[in-house]
Protein backbone atom coordinates (compact mmCIF):
# COMPACT_ATOMS: atom_id res chain seq x y z
CA UNK A 1 -20.53 3.32 -2.12
CA UNK A 2 -17.34 1.77 -0.78
CA UNK A 3 -14.48 2.05 -3.21
CA UNK A 4 -10.69 1.98 -3.18
CA UNK A 5 -9.01 2.95 -6.45
CA UNK A 6 -5.27 2.53 -6.87
CA UNK A 7 -3.16 4.39 -9.41
CA UNK A 8 0.50 5.06 -10.16
CA UNK A 9 1.71 1.61 -11.09
CA UNK A 10 3.78 0.90 -14.14
CA UNK A 11 7.13 -0.23 -15.49
CA UNK A 12 10.29 1.10 -13.86
CA UNK A 13 13.96 0.19 -14.01
CA UNK A 14 15.79 -1.25 -10.99
CA UNK A 15 16.82 1.56 -8.67
CA UNK A 16 13.95 3.75 -9.79
CA UNK A 17 10.96 5.12 -7.89
CA UNK A 18 7.19 5.04 -8.13
CA UNK A 19 4.44 6.59 -6.05
CA UNK A 20 1.20 4.69 -5.68
CA UNK A 21 -1.99 6.46 -4.71
CA UNK A 22 -5.27 5.09 -3.42
CA UNK A 23 -8.40 7.22 -3.48
CA UNK A 24 -10.99 6.02 -1.01
CA UNK A 25 -14.72 6.67 -1.04
CA UNK A 26 -17.39 5.57 1.36
CA UNK A 27 -17.10 5.40 5.13
CA UNK A 28 -13.90 3.33 5.18
CA UNK A 29 -11.15 5.93 5.43
CA UNK A 30 -11.74 8.32 8.30
CA UNK A 31 -10.88 6.71 11.64
CA UNK A 32 -9.53 3.56 10.04
CA UNK A 33 -6.07 2.20 9.46
CA UNK A 34 -4.91 1.71 5.89
CA UNK A 35 -2.49 -0.73 4.33
CA UNK A 36 -0.76 -1.74 1.14
CA UNK A 37 -0.36 -5.39 0.18
CA UNK A 38 1.35 -6.97 -2.79
CA UNK A 39 1.05 -10.27 -4.60
CA UNK A 40 3.69 -11.60 -6.93
CA UNK A 41 2.86 -14.32 -9.49
CA UNK A 42 2.47 -17.69 -7.81
CA UNK A 43 2.83 -16.24 -4.33
CA UNK A 44 0.53 -15.28 -1.49
CA UNK A 45 -0.61 -11.74 -0.93
CA UNK A 46 1.59 -10.10 1.72
CA UNK A 47 1.30 -6.94 3.78
CA UNK A 48 3.87 -4.35 2.73
CA UNK A 49 3.03 -1.34 4.88
CA UNK A 50 0.32 -0.04 7.18
CA UNK A 51 -0.57 3.29 8.73
CA UNK A 52 -2.82 4.23 11.63
CA UNK A 53 -5.90 6.39 11.21
CA UNK A 54 -4.06 9.53 12.32
CA UNK A 55 -0.88 8.68 10.46
CA UNK A 56 1.30 8.59 13.57
CA UNK A 57 2.00 4.85 13.50
CA UNK A 58 3.50 3.12 10.48
CA UNK A 59 4.83 -0.39 9.97
CA UNK A 60 6.71 -2.06 7.14
CA UNK A 61 7.65 -5.51 5.96
CA UNK A 62 11.36 -6.16 6.45
CA UNK A 63 11.81 -6.48 2.70
CA UNK A 64 10.84 -2.83 2.10
CA UNK A 65 12.05 -1.08 5.24
CA UNK A 66 14.13 1.96 4.43
CA UNK A 67 12.91 2.01 0.82
CA UNK A 68 9.11 2.43 0.98
CA UNK A 69 7.14 5.12 2.79
CA UNK A 70 3.42 4.97 3.49
CA UNK A 71 1.51 8.18 4.13
CA UNK A 72 -2.04 9.47 4.09
CA UNK A 73 -3.85 12.72 3.43
CA UNK A 74 -6.98 12.66 5.55
CA UNK A 75 -8.34 15.78 3.85
CA UNK A 76 -8.23 14.01 0.48
CA UNK A 77 -9.21 10.49 1.64
CA UNK A 78 -6.06 9.22 -0.03
CA UNK A 79 -3.25 6.92 1.03
CA UNK A 80 0.12 6.77 -0.71
CA UNK A 81 3.03 4.41 -1.05
CA UNK A 82 6.31 5.98 -2.09
CA UNK A 83 8.59 3.26 -3.41
CA UNK A 84 12.29 4.04 -3.81
CA UNK A 85 15.32 1.98 -4.80
CA UNK A 86 13.02 -0.51 -6.47
CA UNK A 87 14.25 -4.05 -7.05
CA UNK A 88 13.18 -6.72 -9.52
CA UNK A 89 11.70 -8.66 -6.59
CA UNK A 90 9.31 -5.77 -5.88
CA UNK A 91 7.41 -6.73 -9.04
CA UNK A 92 3.84 -7.53 -8.05
CA UNK A 93 0.26 -6.35 -8.09
CA UNK A 94 -0.12 -3.82 -5.28
CA UNK A 95 -3.42 -3.58 -3.42
CA UNK A 96 -4.70 -0.79 -1.23
CA UNK A 97 -6.80 -1.76 1.77
CA UNK A 98 -8.82 -0.36 4.64
CA UNK A 99 -8.82 -2.06 8.01
CA UNK A 100 -7.93 -1.98 11.68
CA UNK A 101 -4.84 -2.12 13.85
CA UNK A 102 -4.82 -4.71 16.62
CA UNK A 103 -2.34 -4.75 19.49
CA UNK A 104 -1.44 -8.42 19.17
CA UNK A 105 -1.85 -9.11 15.48
CA UNK A 106 -1.16 -5.76 13.86
CA UNK A 107 -3.01 -4.61 10.76
CA UNK A 108 -5.91 -6.58 9.30
CA UNK A 109 -7.76 -5.53 6.16
CA UNK A 110 -11.53 -5.47 5.64
CA UNK A 111 -11.80 -3.80 2.22
CA UNK A 112 -9.63 -4.07 -0.87
CA UNK A 113 -8.96 -2.21 -4.07
CA UNK A 114 -8.60 -3.85 -7.47
CA UNK A 115 -4.82 -3.56 -7.53
CA UNK A 116 -2.22 -1.88 -9.71
CA UNK A 117 0.65 -3.63 -11.46
CA UNK A 118 4.21 -2.64 -10.61
CA UNK A 119 6.92 -4.13 -12.80
CA UNK A 120 10.59 -3.57 -12.07
CA UNK A 121 12.72 -4.59 -14.99
CA UNK A 122 15.65 -3.42 -17.07
């Protein structure tokens, strides 16, 4: 059964940190790229970060560069998103995904988790 389950969301003050985790089951982790998207109220879902199957290639949206770090533990079938120096504008539902990396278009997702809410507020 294909499943992506996010955890680690919650309420945090501006400047704080959170670590999201995504546990993956089914044949959609090994050998595949992984990504985190987010969707704020009234806005489109946007790619935040992606990582190659071996973890050697990462990419970030400009809005989170230098603050967020994506990583993966291939032994645990888990991908992480470490979020530091959080801002109010980082408030969104964060979705884990499994997909592929393409030379011209970058990361594209095929499978999605249910999402976890991250709220940054004082």
